[in-house]
Amino acid sequence: QRASLYTKPAKDKVGPVETVVGLGLFSLAILGPSGWILA
């Protein structure tokens, strides 16, 4: 098995809206279940 590494830069830049949405959904997926349990 070999790692699939890409040495080329990204084709399109990720915008700030996409970054915020991605980080928000990721945070919700991680913190949501624990918040539900604590609530």
Full PDB file with SEQRES, HELIX, SHEET, SSBOND, CRYST1, ORIGX, SCALE, CONECT and MASTER records, all heavy atoms in Angstrom:
SEQRES   1 A   39  GLN ARG ALA SER LEU TYR THR LYS PRO ALA LYS ASP LYS          
SEQRES   2 A   39  VAL GLY PRO VAL GLU THR VAL VAL GLY LEU GLY LEU PHE          
SEQRES   3 A   39  SER LEU ALA ILE LEU GLY PRO SER GLY TRP ILE LEU ALA          
HELIX    1 AA1 PRO A   16  LEU A   38  1                                  23    
CRYST1    1.000    1.000    1.000  90.00  90.00  90.00 P 1           1          
ORIGX1      1.000000  0.000000  0.000000        0.00000                         
ORIGX2      0.000000  1.000000  0.000000        0.00000                         
ORIGX3      0.000000  0.000000  1.000000        0.00000                         
SCALE1      1.000000  0.000000  0.000000        0.00000                         
SCALE2      0.000000  1.000000  0.000000        0.00000                         
SCALE3      0.000000  0.000000  1.000000        0.00000                         
ATOM      1  N   GLN A   1       0.840  -1.197   0.000  1.00  0.00           N  
ATOM      2  CA  GLN A   1       0.000   0.000   0.000  1.00  0.00           C  
ATOM      3  C   GLN A   1       0.871   1.240   0.000  1.00  0.00           C  
ATOM      4  O   GLN A   1       1.900   1.295   0.655  1.00  0.00           O  
ATOM      5  CB  GLN A   1      -0.904   0.021   1.223  1.00  0.00           C  
ATOM      6  CG  GLN A   1      -2.022  -0.984   1.160  1.00  0.00           C  
ATOM      7  CD  GLN A   1      -2.904  -0.912   2.394  1.00  0.00           C  
ATOM      8  OE1 GLN A   1      -2.562  -0.245   3.364  1.00  0.00           O  
ATOM      9  NE2 GLN A   1      -4.018  -1.596   2.366  1.00  0.00           N  
ATOM     10  N   ARG A   2       0.432   2.236  -0.745  1.00  0.00           N  
ATOM     11  CA  ARG A   2       1.162   3.499  -0.807  1.00  0.00           C  
ATOM     12  C   ARG A   2       0.204   4.636  -0.530  1.00  0.00           C  
ATOM     13  O   ARG A   2      -0.967   4.579  -0.878  1.00  0.00           O  
ATOM     14  CB  ARG A   2       1.783   3.679  -2.185  1.00  0.00           C  
ATOM     15  CG  ARG A   2       2.822   2.619  -2.497  1.00  0.00           C  
ATOM     16  CD  ARG A   2       3.511   2.895  -3.766  1.00  0.00           C  
ATOM     17  NE  ARG A   2       4.209   4.176  -3.642  1.00  0.00           N  
ATOM     18  CZ  ARG A   2       4.978   4.677  -4.581  1.00  0.00           C  
ATOM     19  NH1 ARG A   2       5.152   4.029  -5.703  1.00  0.00           N  
ATOM     20  NH2 ARG A   2       5.580   5.827  -4.419  1.00  0.00           N  
ATOM     21  N   ALA A   3       0.717   5.662   0.059  1.00  0.00           N  
ATOM     22  CA  ALA A   3      -0.098   6.843   0.329  1.00  0.00           C  
ATOM     23  C   ALA A   3      -0.332   7.604  -0.964  1.00  0.00           C  
ATOM     24  O   ALA A   3       0.542   7.694  -1.817  1.00  0.00           O  
ATOM     25  CB  ALA A   3       0.589   7.743   1.342  1.00  0.00           C  
ATOM     26  N   SER A   4      -1.534   8.125  -1.114  1.00  0.00           N  
ATOM     27  CA  SER A   4      -1.823   8.918  -2.309  1.00  0.00           C  
ATOM     28  C   SER A   4      -1.635  10.396  -1.962  1.00  0.00           C  
ATOM     29  O   SER A   4      -2.494  11.028  -1.372  1.00  0.00           O  
ATOM     30  CB  SER A   4      -3.244   8.647  -2.796  1.00  0.00           C  
ATOM     31  OG  SER A   4      -4.157   8.899  -1.768  1.00  0.00           O  
ATOM     32  N   LEU A   5      -0.478  10.916  -2.291  1.00  0.00           N  
ATOM     33  CA  LEU A   5      -0.153  12.308  -2.014  1.00  0.00           C  
ATOM     34  C   LEU A   5      -0.205  13.108  -3.303  1.00  0.00           C  
ATOM     35  O   LEU A   5       0.233  12.644  -4.355  1.00  0.00           O  
ATOM     36  CB  LEU A   5       1.251  12.415  -1.408  1.00  0.00           C  
ATOM     37  CG  LEU A   5       1.464  11.687  -0.093  1.00  0.00           C  
ATOM     38  CD1 LEU A   5       2.924  11.771   0.312  1.00  0.00           C  
ATOM     39  CD2 LEU A   5       0.589  12.276   0.984  1.00  0.00           C  
ATOM     40  N   TYR A   6      -0.748  14.285  -3.221  1.00  0.00           N  
ATOM     41  CA  TYR A   6      -0.833  15.164  -4.375  1.00  0.00           C  
ATOM     42  C   TYR A   6       0.087  16.356  -4.144  1.00  0.00           C  
ATOM     43  O   TYR A   6      -0.010  17.034  -3.121  1.00  0.00           O  
ATOM     44  CB  TYR A   6      -2.270  15.635  -4.595  1.00  0.00           C  
ATOM     45  CG  TYR A   6      -3.205  14.498  -4.888  1.00  0.00           C  
ATOM     46  CD1 TYR A   6      -4.042  13.983  -3.916  1.00  0.00           C  
ATOM     47  CD2 TYR A   6      -3.245  13.921  -6.151  1.00  0.00           C  
ATOM     48  CE1 TYR A   6      -4.896  12.938  -4.177  1.00  0.00           C  
ATOM     49  CE2 TYR A   6      -4.097  12.872  -6.428  1.00  0.00           C  
ATOM     50  CZ  TYR A   6      -4.916  12.384  -5.440  1.00  0.00           C  
ATOM     51  OH  TYR A   6      -5.752  11.336  -5.719  1.00  0.00           O  
ATOM     52  N   THR A   7       0.968  16.615  -5.067  1.00  0.00           N  
ATOM     53  CA  THR A   7       1.914  17.711  -4.893  1.00  0.00           C  
ATOM     54  C   THR A   7       1.500  18.970  -5.643  1.00  0.00           C  
ATOM     55  O   THR A   7       2.162  19.976  -5.538  1.00  0.00           O  
ATOM     56  CB  THR A   7       3.305  17.276  -5.372  1.00  0.00           C  
ATOM     57  OG1 THR A   7       3.222  16.875  -6.733  1.00  0.00           O  
ATOM     58  CG2 THR A   7       3.835  16.122  -4.536  1.00  0.00           C  
ATOM     59  N   LYS A   8       0.422  18.884  -6.386  1.00  0.00           N  
ATOM     60  CA  LYS A   8      -0.032  20.058  -7.134  1.00  0.00           C  
ATOM     61  C   LYS A   8      -0.879  20.954  -6.229  1.00  0.00           C  
ATOM     62  O   LYS A   8      -1.538  20.476  -5.311  1.00  0.00           O  
ATOM     63  CB  LYS A   8      -0.877  19.631  -8.335  1.00  0.00           C  
ATOM     64  CG  LYS A   8      -0.103  18.820  -9.355  1.00  0.00           C  
ATOM     65  CD  LYS A   8      -1.016  18.419 -10.487  1.00  0.00           C  
ATOM     66  CE  LYS A   8      -0.289  17.565 -11.502  1.00  0.00           C  
ATOM     67  NZ  LYS A   8      -1.166  17.120 -12.572  1.00  0.00           N  
ATOM     68  N   PRO A   9      -0.896  22.251  -6.486  1.00  0.00           N  
ATOM     69  CA  PRO A   9      -1.794  23.129  -5.716  1.00  0.00           C  
ATOM     70  C   PRO A   9      -3.253  22.878  -6.094  1.00  0.00           C  
ATOM     71  O   PRO A   9      -3.554  22.270  -7.126  1.00  0.00           O  
ATOM     72  CB  PRO A   9      -1.348  24.534  -6.116  1.00  0.00           C  
ATOM     73  CG  PRO A   9      -0.628  24.376  -7.394  1.00  0.00           C  
ATOM     74  CD  PRO A   9      -0.055  22.989  -7.403  1.00  0.00           C  
ATOM     75  N   ALA A  10      -4.145  23.340  -5.258  1.00  0.00           N  
ATOM     76  CA  ALA A  10      -5.573  23.159  -5.510  1.00  0.00           C  
ATOM     77  C   ALA A  10      -5.984  23.877  -6.791  1.00  0.00           C  
ATOM     78  O   ALA A  10      -5.430  24.921  -7.147  1.00  0.00           O  
ATOM     79  CB  ALA A  10      -6.371  23.694  -4.334  1.00  0.00           C  
ATOM     80  N   LYS A  11      -6.970  23.318  -7.483  1.00  0.00           N  
ATOM     81  CA  LYS A  11      -7.435  23.932  -8.732  1.00  0.00           C  
ATOM     82  C   LYS A  11      -8.177  25.238  -8.459  1.00  0.00           C  
ATOM     83  O   LYS A  11      -8.007  26.222  -9.170  1.00  0.00           O  
ATOM     84  CB  LYS A  11      -8.350  22.967  -9.480  1.00  0.00           C  
ATOM     85  CG  LYS A  11      -7.623  21.755 -10.008  1.00  0.00           C  
ATOM     86  CD  LYS A  11      -8.564  20.835 -10.746  1.00  0.00           C  
ATOM     87  CE  LYS A  11      -7.837  19.604 -11.249  1.00  0.00           C  
ATOM     88  NZ  LYS A  11      -8.740  18.670 -11.912  1.00  0.00           N  
ATOM     89  N   ASP A  12      -9.046  25.229  -7.450  1.00  0.00           N  
ATOM     90  CA  ASP A  12      -9.806  26.426  -7.087  1.00  0.00           C  
ATOM     91  C   ASP A  12      -9.528  26.771  -5.632  1.00  0.00           C  
ATOM     92  O   ASP A  12      -9.386  25.884  -4.794  1.00  0.00           O  
ATOM     93  CB  ASP A  12     -11.307  26.181  -7.252  1.00  0.00           C  
ATOM     94  CG  ASP A  12     -11.676  25.859  -8.697  1.00  0.00           C  
ATOM     95  OD1 ASP A  12     -11.046  26.430  -9.598  1.00  0.00           O  
ATOM     96  OD2 ASP A  12     -12.593  25.039  -8.899  1.00  0.00           O  
ATOM     97  N   LYS A  13      -9.498  28.057  -5.329  1.00  0.00           N  
ATOM     98  CA  LYS A  13      -9.325  28.477  -3.946  1.00  0.00           C  
ATOM     99  C   LYS A  13     -10.635  28.302  -3.202  1.00  0.00           C  
ATOM    100  O   LYS A  13     -11.716  28.492  -3.754  1.00  0.00           O  
ATOM    101  CB  LYS A  13      -8.884  29.937  -3.880  1.00  0.00           C  
ATOM    102  CG  LYS A  13      -7.463  30.148  -4.311  1.00  0.00           C  
ATOM    103  CD  LYS A  13      -6.984  31.512  -3.902  1.00  0.00           C  
ATOM    104  CE  LYS A  13      -5.500  31.624  -4.177  1.00  0.00           C  
ATOM    105  NZ  LYS A  13      -4.944  32.821  -3.570  1.00  0.00           N  
ATOM    106  N   VAL A  14     -10.530  27.933  -1.930  1.00  0.00           N  
ATOM    107  CA  VAL A  14     -11.707  27.778  -1.083  1.00  0.00           C  
ATOM    108  C   VAL A  14     -12.030  29.148  -0.502  1.00  0.00           C  
ATOM    109  O   VAL A  14     -11.182  29.793   0.125  1.00  0.00           O  
ATOM    110  CB  VAL A  14     -11.425  26.759   0.041  1.00  0.00           C  
ATOM    111  CG1 VAL A  14     -12.637  26.619   0.951  1.00  0.00           C  
ATOM    112  CG2 VAL A  14     -11.051  25.411  -0.550  1.00  0.00           C  
ATOM    113  N   GLY A  15     -13.260  29.573  -0.720  1.00  0.00           N  
ATOM    114  CA  GLY A  15     -13.676  30.891  -0.254  1.00  0.00           C  
ATOM    115  C   GLY A  15     -13.961  30.928   1.229  1.00  0.00           C  
ATOM    116  O   GLY A  15     -14.064  29.898   1.895  1.00  0.00           O  
ATOM    117  N   PRO A  16     -14.119  32.131   1.771  1.00  0.00           N  
ATOM    118  CA  PRO A  16     -14.382  32.260   3.208  1.00  0.00           C  
ATOM    119  C   PRO A  16     -15.738  31.678   3.615  1.00  0.00           C  
ATOM    120  O   PRO A  16     -15.864  31.131   4.708  1.00  0.00           O  
ATOM    121  CB  PRO A  16     -14.323  33.765   3.461  1.00  0.00           C  
ATOM    122  CG  PRO A  16     -14.452  34.406   2.131  1.00  0.00           C  
ATOM    123  CD  PRO A  16     -13.965  33.422   1.124  1.00  0.00           C  
ATOM    124  N   VAL A  17     -16.739  31.779   2.751  1.00  0.00           N  
ATOM    125  CA  VAL A  17     -18.058  31.231   3.087  1.00  0.00           C  
ATOM    126  C   VAL A  17     -17.979  29.713   3.172  1.00  0.00           C  
ATOM    127  O   VAL A  17     -18.513  29.095   4.109  1.00  0.00           O  
ATOM    128  CB  VAL A  17     -19.107  31.670   2.046  1.00  0.00           C  
ATOM    129  CG1 VAL A  17     -20.443  31.010   2.305  1.00  0.00           C  
ATOM    130  CG2 VAL A  17     -19.248  33.181   2.042  1.00  0.00           C  
ATOM    131  N   GLU A  18     -17.302  29.092   2.213  1.00  0.00           N  
ATOM    132  CA  GLU A  18     -17.149  27.635   2.244  1.00  0.00           C  
ATOM    133  C   GLU A  18     -16.368  27.186   3.471  1.00  0.00           C  
ATOM    134  O   GLU A  18     -16.667  26.161   4.078  1.00  0.00           O  
ATOM    135  CB  GLU A  18     -16.446  27.155   0.982  1.00  0.00           C  
ATOM    136  CG  GLU A  18     -17.273  27.348  -0.275  1.00  0.00           C  
ATOM    137  CD  GLU A  18     -16.473  27.052  -1.529  1.00  0.00           C  
ATOM    138  OE1 GLU A  18     -15.243  27.242  -1.518  1.00  0.00           O  
ATOM    139  OE2 GLU A  18     -17.092  26.636  -2.518  1.00  0.00           O  
ATOM    140  N   THR A  19     -15.373  27.966   3.854  1.00  0.00           N  
ATOM    141  CA  THR A  19     -14.574  27.642   5.034  1.00  0.00           C  
ATOM    142  C   THR A  19     -15.426  27.708   6.290  1.00  0.00           C  
ATOM    143  O   THR A  19     -15.382  26.811   7.134  1.00  0.00           O  
ATOM    144  CB  THR A  19     -13.389  28.608   5.152  1.00  0.00           C  
ATOM    145  OG1 THR A  19     -12.623  28.545   3.953  1.00  0.00           O  
ATOM    146  CG2 THR A  19     -12.512  28.262   6.334  1.00  0.00           C  
ATOM    147  N   VAL A  20     -16.205  28.767   6.429  1.00  0.00           N  
ATOM    148  CA  VAL A  20     -17.047  28.932   7.614  1.00  0.00           C  
ATOM    149  C   VAL A  20     -18.099  27.831   7.676  1.00  0.00           C  
ATOM    150  O   VAL A  20     -18.341  27.243   8.744  1.00  0.00           O  
ATOM    151  CB  VAL A  20     -17.701  30.332   7.628  1.00  0.00           C  
ATOM    152  CG1 VAL A  20     -18.783  30.426   8.684  1.00  0.00           C  
ATOM    153  CG2 VAL A  20     -16.645  31.397   7.835  1.00  0.00           C  
ATOM    154  N   VAL A  21     -18.721  27.519   6.561  1.00  0.00           N  
ATOM    155  CA  VAL A  21     -19.737  26.455   6.535  1.00  0.00           C  
ATOM    156  C   VAL A  21     -19.105  25.114   6.873  1.00  0.00           C  
ATOM    157  O   VAL A  21     -19.637  24.332   7.673  1.00  0.00           O  
ATOM    158  CB  VAL A  21     -20.448  26.408   5.164  1.00  0.00           C  
ATOM    159  CG1 VAL A  21     -21.298  25.160   5.033  1.00  0.00           C  
ATOM    160  CG2 VAL A  21     -21.299  27.651   4.971  1.00  0.00           C  
ATOM    161  N   GLY A  22     -17.963  24.821   6.301  1.00  0.00           N  
ATOM    162  CA  GLY A  22     -17.289  23.551   6.566  1.00  0.00           C  
ATOM    163  C   GLY A  22     -16.880  23.406   8.017  1.00  0.00           C  
ATOM    164  O   GLY A  22     -17.118  22.363   8.644  1.00  0.00           O  
ATOM    165  N   LEU A  23     -16.263  24.445   8.571  1.00  0.00           N  
ATOM    166  CA  LEU A  23     -15.859  24.390   9.975  1.00  0.00           C  
ATOM    167  C   LEU A  23     -17.071  24.333  10.910  1.00  0.00           C  
ATOM    168  O   LEU A  23     -17.041  23.648  11.932  1.00  0.00           O  
ATOM    169  CB  LEU A  23     -14.987  25.589  10.324  1.00  0.00           C  
ATOM    170  CG  LEU A  23     -13.579  25.562   9.734  1.00  0.00           C  
ATOM    171  CD1 LEU A  23     -12.852  26.871  10.043  1.00  0.00           C  
ATOM    172  CD2 LEU A  23     -12.803  24.398  10.275  1.00  0.00           C  
ATOM    173  N   GLY A  24     -18.143  25.046  10.547  1.00  0.00           N  
ATOM    174  CA  GLY A  24     -19.347  25.019  11.372  1.00  0.00           C  
ATOM    175  C   GLY A  24     -19.992  23.648  11.406  1.00  0.00           C  
ATOM    176  O   GLY A  24     -20.367  23.143  12.468  1.00  0.00           O  
ATOM    177  N   LEU A  25     -20.099  23.009  10.248  1.00  0.00           N  
ATOM    178  CA  LEU A  25     -20.700  21.673  10.201  1.00  0.00           C  
ATOM    179  C   LEU A  25     -19.811  20.641  10.894  1.00  0.00           C  
ATOM    180  O   LEU A  25     -20.313  19.737  11.566  1.00  0.00           O  
ATOM    181  CB  LEU A  25     -20.968  21.265   8.756  1.00  0.00           C  
ATOM    182  CG  LEU A  25     -22.086  22.042   8.061  1.00  0.00           C  
ATOM    183  CD1 LEU A  25     -22.196  21.630   6.594  1.00  0.00           C  
ATOM    184  CD2 LEU A  25     -23.408  21.817   8.767  1.00  0.00           C  
ATOM    185  N   PHE A  26     -18.519  20.785  10.723  1.00  0.00           N  
ATOM    186  CA  PHE A  26     -17.601  19.868  11.391  1.00  0.00           C  
ATOM    187  C   PHE A  26     -17.710  20.016  12.909  1.00  0.00           C  
ATOM    188  O   PHE A  26     -17.756  19.021  13.641  1.00  0.00           O  
ATOM    189  CB  PHE A  26     -16.170  20.138  10.927  1.00  0.00           C  
ATOM    190  CG  PHE A  26     -15.170  19.178  11.478  1.00  0.00           C  
ATOM    191  CD1 PHE A  26     -15.111  17.871  11.016  1.00  0.00           C  
ATOM    192  CD2 PHE A  26     -14.279  19.577  12.453  1.00  0.00           C  
ATOM    193  CE1 PHE A  26     -14.192  16.980  11.519  1.00  0.00           C  
ATOM    194  CE2 PHE A  26     -13.355  18.693  12.963  1.00  0.00           C  
ATOM    195  CZ  PHE A  26     -13.308  17.387  12.494  1.00  0.00           C  
ATOM    196  N   SER A  27     -17.760  21.249  13.390  1.00  0.00           N  
ATOM    197  CA  SER A  27     -17.902  21.492  14.827  1.00  0.00           C  
ATOM    198  C   SER A  27     -19.228  20.956  15.349  1.00  0.00           C  
ATOM    199  O   SER A  27     -19.289  20.371  16.436  1.00  0.00           O  
ATOM    200  CB  SER A  27     -17.815  22.988  15.124  1.00  0.00           C  
ATOM    201  OG  SER A  27     -16.568  23.478  14.716  1.00  0.00           O  
ATOM    202  N   LEU A  28     -20.289  21.146  14.582  1.00  0.00           N  
ATOM    203  CA  LEU A  28     -21.593  20.629  14.983  1.00  0.00           C  
ATOM    204  C   LEU A  28     -21.587  19.108  15.051  1.00  0.00           C  
ATOM    205  O   LEU A  28     -22.164  18.512  15.966  1.00  0.00           O  
ATOM    206  CB  LEU A  28     -22.669  21.112  14.008  1.00  0.00           C  
ATOM    207  CG  LEU A  28     -24.101  20.687  14.302  1.00  0.00           C  
ATOM    208  CD1 LEU A  28     -24.566  21.318  15.603  1.00  0.00           C  
ATOM    209  CD2 LEU A  28     -25.013  21.087  13.165  1.00  0.00           C  
ATOM    210  N   ALA A  29     -20.929  18.470  14.100  1.00  0.00           N  
ATOM    211  CA  ALA A  29     -20.868  17.009  14.093  1.00  0.00           C  
ATOM    212  C   ALA A  29     -20.086  16.483  15.289  1.00  0.00           C  
ATOM    213  O   ALA A  29     -20.401  15.417  15.832  1.00  0.00           O  
ATOM    214  CB  ALA A  29     -20.226  16.522  12.795  1.00  0.00           C  
ATOM    215  N   ILE A  30     -19.077  17.212  15.724  1.00  0.00           N  
ATOM    216  CA  ILE A  30     -18.273  16.764  16.860  1.00  0.00           C  
ATOM    217  C   ILE A  30     -18.932  17.150  18.192  1.00  0.00           C  
ATOM    218  O   ILE A  30     -19.033  16.334  19.109  1.00  0.00           O  
ATOM    219  CB  ILE A  30     -16.854  17.375  16.795  1.00  0.00           C  
ATOM    220  CG1 ILE A  30     -16.135  16.902  15.534  1.00  0.00           C  
ATOM    221  CG2 ILE A  30     -16.042  17.044  18.032  1.00  0.00           C  
ATOM    222  CD1 ILE A  30     -15.888  15.422  15.459  1.00  0.00           C  
ATOM    223  N   LEU A  31     -19.372  18.394  18.308  1.00  0.00           N  
ATOM    224  CA  LEU A  31     -19.885  18.884  19.585  1.00  0.00           C  
ATOM    225  C   LEU A  31     -21.380  18.662  19.780  1.00  0.00           C  
ATOM    226  O   LEU A  31     -21.865  18.713  20.910  1.00  0.00           O  
ATOM    227  CB  LEU A  31     -19.577  20.384  19.716  1.00  0.00           C  
ATOM    228  CG  LEU A  31     -18.091  20.734  19.710  1.00  0.00           C  
ATOM    229  CD1 LEU A  31     -17.919  22.236  19.704  1.00  0.00           C  
ATOM    230  CD2 LEU A  31     -17.400  20.114  20.900  1.00  0.00           C  
ATOM    231  N   GLY A  32     -22.123  18.421  18.711  1.00  0.00           N  
ATOM    232  CA  GLY A  32     -23.570  18.250  18.823  1.00  0.00           C  
ATOM    233  C   GLY A  32     -23.996  17.106  19.725  1.00  0.00           C  
ATOM    234  O   GLY A  32     -24.800  17.296  20.656  1.00  0.00           O  
ATOM    235  N   PRO A  33     -23.500  15.895  19.504  1.00  0.00           N  
ATOM    236  CA  PRO A  33     -23.925  14.776  20.362  1.00  0.00           C  
ATOM    237  C   PRO A  33     -23.555  14.963  21.835  1.00  0.00           C  
ATOM    238  O   PRO A  33     -24.355  14.657  22.721  1.00  0.00           O  
ATOM    239  CB  PRO A  33     -23.181  13.573  19.766  1.00  0.00           C  
ATOM    240  CG  PRO A  33     -22.936  13.953  18.350  1.00  0.00           C  
ATOM    241  CD  PRO A  33     -22.715  15.436  18.370  1.00  0.00           C  
ATOM    242  N   SER A  34     -22.369  15.484  22.096  1.00  0.00           N  
ATOM    243  CA  SER A  34     -21.989  15.696  23.504  1.00  0.00           C  
ATOM    244  C   SER A  34     -22.845  16.799  24.133  1.00  0.00           C  
ATOM    245  O   SER A  34     -23.206  16.705  25.309  1.00  0.00           O  
ATOM    246  CB  SER A  34     -20.510  16.031  23.614  1.00  0.00           C  
ATOM    247  OG  SER A  34     -20.211  17.181  22.877  1.00  0.00           O  
ATOM    248  N   GLY A  35     -23.183  17.825  23.377  1.00  0.00           N  
ATOM    249  CA  GLY A  35     -24.070  18.866  23.888  1.00  0.00           C  
ATOM    250  C   GLY A  35     -25.455  18.339  24.187  1.00  0.00           C  
ATOM    251  O   GLY A  35     -26.088  18.718  25.181  1.00  0.00           O  
ATOM    252  N   TRP A  36     -25.942  17.449  23.331  1.00  0.00           N  
ATOM    253  CA  TRP A  36     -27.254  16.828  23.551  1.00  0.00           C  
ATOM    254  C   TRP A  36     -27.252  16.032  24.851  1.00  0.00           C  
ATOM    255  O   TRP A  36     -28.182  16.133  25.654  1.00  0.00           O  
ATOM    256  CB  TRP A  36     -27.595  15.919  22.382  1.00  0.00           C  
ATOM    257  CG  TRP A  36     -28.866  15.166  22.560  1.00  0.00           C  
ATOM    258  CD1 TRP A  36     -29.021  13.942  23.137  1.00  0.00           C  
ATOM    259  CD2 TRP A  36     -30.173  15.607  22.205  1.00  0.00           C  
ATOM    260  NE1 TRP A  36     -30.341  13.587  23.153  1.00  0.00           N  
ATOM    261  CE2 TRP A  36     -31.071  14.588  22.576  1.00  0.00           C  
ATOM    262  CE3 TRP A  36     -30.670  16.751  21.604  1.00  0.00           C  
ATOM    263  CZ2 TRP A  36     -32.423  14.696  22.364  1.00  0.00           C  
ATOM    264  CZ3 TRP A  36     -32.027  16.857  21.392  1.00  0.00           C  
ATOM    265  CH2 TRP A  36     -32.890  15.831  21.764  1.00  0.00           C  
ATOM    266  N   ILE A  37     -26.210  15.270  25.071  1.00  0.00           N  
ATOM    267  CA  ILE A  37     -26.126  14.462  26.286  1.00  0.00           C  
ATOM    268  C   ILE A  37     -26.058  15.362  27.519  1.00  0.00           C  
ATOM    269  O   ILE A  37     -26.740  15.126  28.516  1.00  0.00           O  
ATOM    270  CB  ILE A  37     -24.917  13.509  26.223  1.00  0.00           C  
ATOM    271  CG1 ILE A  37     -25.170  12.443  25.160  1.00  0.00           C  
ATOM    272  CG2 ILE A  37     -24.639  12.867  27.572  1.00  0.00           C  
ATOM    273  CD1 ILE A  37     -23.988  11.595  24.835  1.00  0.00           C  
ATOM    274  N   LEU A  38     -25.239  16.418  27.455  1.00  0.00           N  
ATOM    275  CA  LEU A  38     -25.135  17.309  28.605  1.00  0.00           C  
ATOM    276  C   LEU A  38     -26.439  18.060  28.862  1.00  0.00           C  
ATOM    277  O   LEU A  38     -26.800  18.314  30.014  1.00  0.00           O  
ATOM    278  CB  LEU A  38     -23.993  18.297  28.398  1.00  0.00           C  
ATOM    279  CG  LEU A  38     -22.593  17.689  28.489  1.00  0.00           C  
ATOM    280  CD1 LEU A  38     -21.549  18.735  28.116  1.00  0.00           C  
ATOM    281  CD2 LEU A  38     -22.335  17.153  29.880  1.00  0.00           C  
ATOM    282  N   ALA A  39     -27.157  18.407  27.812  1.00  0.00           N  
ATOM    283  CA  ALA A  39     -28.420  19.122  27.989  1.00  0.00           C  
ATOM    284  C   ALA A  39     -29.500  18.225  28.588  1.00  0.00           C  
ATOM    285  O   ALA A  39     -30.402  18.707  29.278  1.00  0.00           O  
ATOM    286  CB  ALA A  39     -28.890  19.679  26.653  1.00  0.00           C  
TER     287      ALA A  39                                                      
MASTER        0    0    0    1    0    0    0    6  286    1    0    3          
END                                                                             
